C-alpha atoms as a PDB file:
ATOM      1  CA  MET A   1     263.107  12.704  10.573  1.00  0.00           C
ATOM      2  CA  ASP A   2     266.217  14.427   9.381  1.00  0.00           C
ATOM      3  CA  PHE A   3     268.564  11.984   7.889  1.00  0.00           C
ATOM      4  CA  GLU A   4     271.652  14.153   9.146  1.00  0.00           C
ATOM      5  CA  ARG A   5     270.262  13.071  12.702  1.00  0.00           C
ATOM      6  CA  LEU A   6     270.432   9.179  12.278  1.00  0.00           C
ATOM      7  CA  VAL A   7     273.440   7.536  14.052  1.00  0.00           C
ATOM      8  CA  VAL A   8     273.401   4.881  11.033  1.00  0.00           C
ATOM      9  CA  TRP A   9     273.730   7.474   8.445  1.00  0.00           C
ATOM     10  CA  GLN A  10     276.339   9.486  10.101  1.00  0.00           C
ATOM     11  CA  ARG A  11     278.396   6.409  10.741  1.00  0.00           C
ATOM     12  CA  SER A  12     278.113   5.330   7.481  1.00  0.00           C
ATOM     13  CA  LYS A  13     279.058   8.651   6.064  1.00  0.00           C
ATOM     14  CA  CYS A  14     281.699   8.573   7.854  1.00  0.00           C
ATOM     15  CA  LEU A  15     282.962   4.850   7.192  1.00  0.00           C
ATOM     16  CA  ALA A  16     282.323   6.097   3.388  1.00  0.00           C
ATOM     17  CA  VAL A  17     284.802   9.163   3.930  1.00  0.00           C
ATOM     18  CA  ARG A  18     287.351   6.837   5.112  1.00  0.00           C
ATOM     19  CA  ILE A  19     287.241   4.244   2.293  1.00  0.00           C
ATOM     20  CA  PHE A  20     287.356   7.408  -0.127  1.00  0.00           C
ATOM     21  CA  LYS A  21     290.620   8.420   1.621  1.00  0.00           C
ATOM     22  CA  GLU A  22     291.872   4.788   1.872  1.00  0.00           C
ATOM     23  CA  PHE A  23     291.301   4.416  -1.997  1.00  0.00           C
ATOM     24  CA  ALA A  24     292.757   7.411  -3.476  1.00  0.00           C
ATOM     25  CA  ARG A  25     295.344   6.585  -4.710  1.00  0.00           C
ATOM     26  CA  CYS A  26     294.361   3.217  -5.327  1.00  0.00           C
ATOM     27  CA  GLY A  27     295.855   2.090  -8.932  1.00  0.00           C
ATOM     28  CA  ASP A  28     293.180  -0.757  -9.223  1.00  0.00           C
ATOM     29  CA  PHE A  29     290.587   1.726 -10.761  1.00  0.00           C
ATOM     30  CA  GLY A  30     287.895  -1.625 -11.186  1.00  0.00           C
ATOM     31  CA  PHE A  31     288.442  -2.293  -7.849  1.00  0.00           C
ATOM     32  CA  LYS A  32     288.273   1.202  -6.153  1.00  0.00           C
ATOM     33  CA  ASP A  33     285.521   2.404  -7.895  1.00  0.00           C
ATOM     34  CA  GLN A  34     283.376  -0.719  -6.796  1.00  0.00           C
ATOM     35  CA  ILE A  35     284.044  -0.187  -2.918  1.00  0.00           C
ATOM     36  CA  THR A  36     283.870   3.443  -3.074  1.00  0.00           C
ATOM     37  CA  ARG A  37     280.100   2.921  -5.402  1.00  0.00           C
ATOM     38  CA  SER A  38     279.178   0.703  -2.340  1.00  0.00           C
ATOM     39  CA  ALA A  39     280.477   2.782   0.533  1.00  0.00           C
ATOM     40  CA  LEU A  40     278.538   5.699  -0.858  1.00  0.00           C
ATOM     41  CA  SER A  41     275.322   4.175  -1.749  1.00  0.00           C
ATOM     42  CA  VAL A  42     275.112   3.160   2.277  1.00  0.00           C
ATOM     43  CA  PRO A  43     274.475   6.602   3.524  1.00  0.00           C
ATOM     44  CA  SER A  44     273.438   8.039  -0.430  1.00  0.00           C
ATOM     45  CA  ASN A  45     270.036   5.025  -0.107  1.00  0.00           C
ATOM     46  CA  ILE A  46     269.075   5.920   3.786  1.00  0.00           C
ATOM     47  CA  ALA A  47     269.131   9.384   2.745  1.00  0.00           C
ATOM     48  CA  GLU A  48     266.744   9.362   0.450  1.00  0.00           C
ATOM     49  CA  GLY A  49     264.873   6.609   1.784  1.00  0.00           C
ATOM     50  CA  MET A  50     264.391   9.145   4.581  1.00  0.00           C
ATOM     51  CA  GLU A  51     263.361  12.192   2.321  1.00  0.00           C
ATOM     52  CA  ARG A  52     260.164  10.303   0.541  1.00  0.00           C
ATOM     53  CA  ARG A  53     256.906  10.356   1.863  1.00  0.00           C
ATOM     54  CA  SER A  54     255.490   6.854   2.549  1.00  0.00           C
ATOM     55  CA  CYS A  55     256.804   4.740   5.272  1.00  0.00           C
ATOM     56  CA  LYS A  56     256.752   1.857   2.804  1.00  0.00           C
ATOM     57  CA  GLU A  57     259.022   4.003   0.559  1.00  0.00           C
ATOM     58  CA  LYS A  58     261.258   4.840   3.199  1.00  0.00           C
ATOM     59  CA  VAL A  59     261.559   0.874   4.103  1.00  0.00           C
ATOM     60  CA  HIS A  60     262.342   0.098   0.707  1.00  0.00           C
ATOM     61  CA  PHE A  61     265.488   2.386   0.324  1.00  0.00           C
ATOM     62  CA  LEU A  62     266.548   1.247   3.459  1.00  0.00           C
ATOM     63  CA  TRP A  63     266.822  -2.295   2.486  1.00  0.00           C
ATOM     64  CA  ILE A  64     268.445  -0.845  -0.140  1.00  0.00           C
ATOM     65  CA  ALA A  65     271.190   0.593   1.773  1.00  0.00           C
ATOM     66  CA  LYS A  66     271.494  -2.407   3.808  1.00  0.00           C
ATOM     67  CA  ALA A  67     272.138  -4.594   0.743  1.00  0.00           C
ATOM     68  CA  SER A  68     275.028  -2.067   0.070  1.00  0.00           C
ATOM     69  CA  CYS A  69     276.294  -3.086   3.072  1.00  0.00           C
ATOM     70  CA  GLY A  70     276.711  -6.528   2.070  1.00  0.00           C
ATOM     71  CA  GLU A  71     277.987  -5.891  -0.783  1.00  0.00           C
ATOM     72  CA  LEU A  72     280.502  -3.148   0.739  1.00  0.00           C
ATOM     73  CA  ARG A  73     281.637  -6.149   3.314  1.00  0.00           C
ATOM     74  CA  THR A  74     282.138  -8.524   0.663  1.00  0.00           C
ATOM     75  CA  GLN A  75     284.076  -5.953  -0.941  1.00  0.00           C
ATOM     76  CA  ILE A  76     285.940  -5.669   1.895  1.00  0.00           C
ATOM     77  CA  LEU A  77     286.564  -8.964   2.693  1.00  0.00           C
ATOM     78  CA  ILE A  78     287.922  -9.658  -1.261  1.00  0.00           C
ATOM     79  CA  GLY A  79     290.615  -6.626  -0.791  1.00  0.00           C
ATOM     80  CA  ARG A  80     291.816  -8.247   2.807  1.00  0.00           C
ATOM     81  CA  ASP A  81     292.330 -11.040   0.871  1.00  0.00           C
ATOM     82  CA  ILE A  82     293.910  -9.792  -1.726  1.00  0.00           C
ATOM     83  CA  ALA A  83     296.352  -7.592   0.266  1.00  0.00           C
ATOM     84  CA  TYR A  84     294.561  -3.980  -0.637  1.00  0.00           C
ATOM     85  CA  ILE A  85     293.636  -3.506   2.732  1.00  0.00           C
ATOM     86  CA  ALA A  86     295.645  -4.245   5.475  1.00  0.00           C
ATOM     87  CA  GLU A  87     293.926  -7.024   8.194  1.00  0.00           C
ATOM     88  CA  PRO A  88     293.036  -4.804  10.998  1.00  0.00           C
ATOM     89  CA  LEU A  89     291.754  -2.036   9.195  1.00  0.00           C
ATOM     90  CA  ALA A  90     289.595  -4.905   7.137  1.00  0.00           C
ATOM     91  CA  GLU A  91     288.129  -5.853  10.859  1.00  0.00           C
ATOM     92  CA  ASN A  92     287.068  -2.941  11.520  1.00  0.00           C
ATOM     93  CA  TRP A  93     285.259  -1.915   8.338  1.00  0.00           C
ATOM     94  CA  ILE A  94     283.895  -5.749   8.244  1.00  0.00           C
ATOM     95  CA  MET A  95     282.859  -5.118  12.191  1.00  0.00           C
ATOM     96  CA  GLU A  96     281.375  -1.264  11.150  1.00  0.00           C
ATOM     97  CA  THR A  97     279.285  -2.704   8.159  1.00  0.00           C
ATOM     98  CA  ARG A  98     277.734  -6.105  10.355  1.00  0.00           C
ATOM     99  CA  GLU A  99     276.886  -3.298  12.877  1.00  0.00           C
ATOM    100  CA  LEU A 100     275.390  -0.712  10.300  1.00  0.00           C
ATOM    101  CA  SER A 101     273.023  -3.588   8.858  1.00  0.00           C
ATOM    102  CA  ARG A 102     272.017  -4.372  12.702  1.00  0.00           C
ATOM    103  CA  MET A 103     271.034  -0.486  12.713  1.00  0.00           C
ATOM    104  CA  LEU A 104     269.211  -0.440   9.206  1.00  0.00           C
ATOM    105  CA  VAL A 105     267.154  -4.006  10.897  1.00  0.00           C
ATOM    106  CA  GLY A 106     266.338  -2.006  13.861  1.00  0.00           C
ATOM    107  CA  LEU A 107     265.836   1.319  11.857  1.00  0.00           C
ATOM    108  CA  ILE A 108     263.241  -0.663   9.123  1.00  0.00           C
ATOM    109  CA  ASN A 109     261.365  -2.015  12.141  1.00  0.00           C
ATOM    110  CA  LYS A 110     260.907   0.968  13.846  1.00  0.00           C
ATOM    111  CA  ILE A 111     259.191   3.145  10.571  1.00  0.00           C
ATOM    112  CA  SER A 112     257.125  -0.538   9.806  1.00  0.00           C
ATOM    113  CA  ASP A 113     255.515  -0.688  13.289  1.00  0.00           C
END
């Protein structure tokens, strides 16, 4: 299956793009680097996993993508608490990362069967 056709990849890529755009002018380079790297990691690991040959390898990278999703959610929560991310936007992104995590578990379960 082409990873570009996966809804979870499409949505995680869109979230990464939104985060990159939101933090484009952020002066806190440490925070900006960390949140954009974790956002980029989610669709990147989905793509890398789906390009692997064995189901075991695919699943391994999907678990990494899910872990990155949790890392990203943590950074969004912190960004909200330190007023780097407005409350409504943070809540939207938090809900999206939770949904992406659920979708990744579903994909992992499908591949593992």
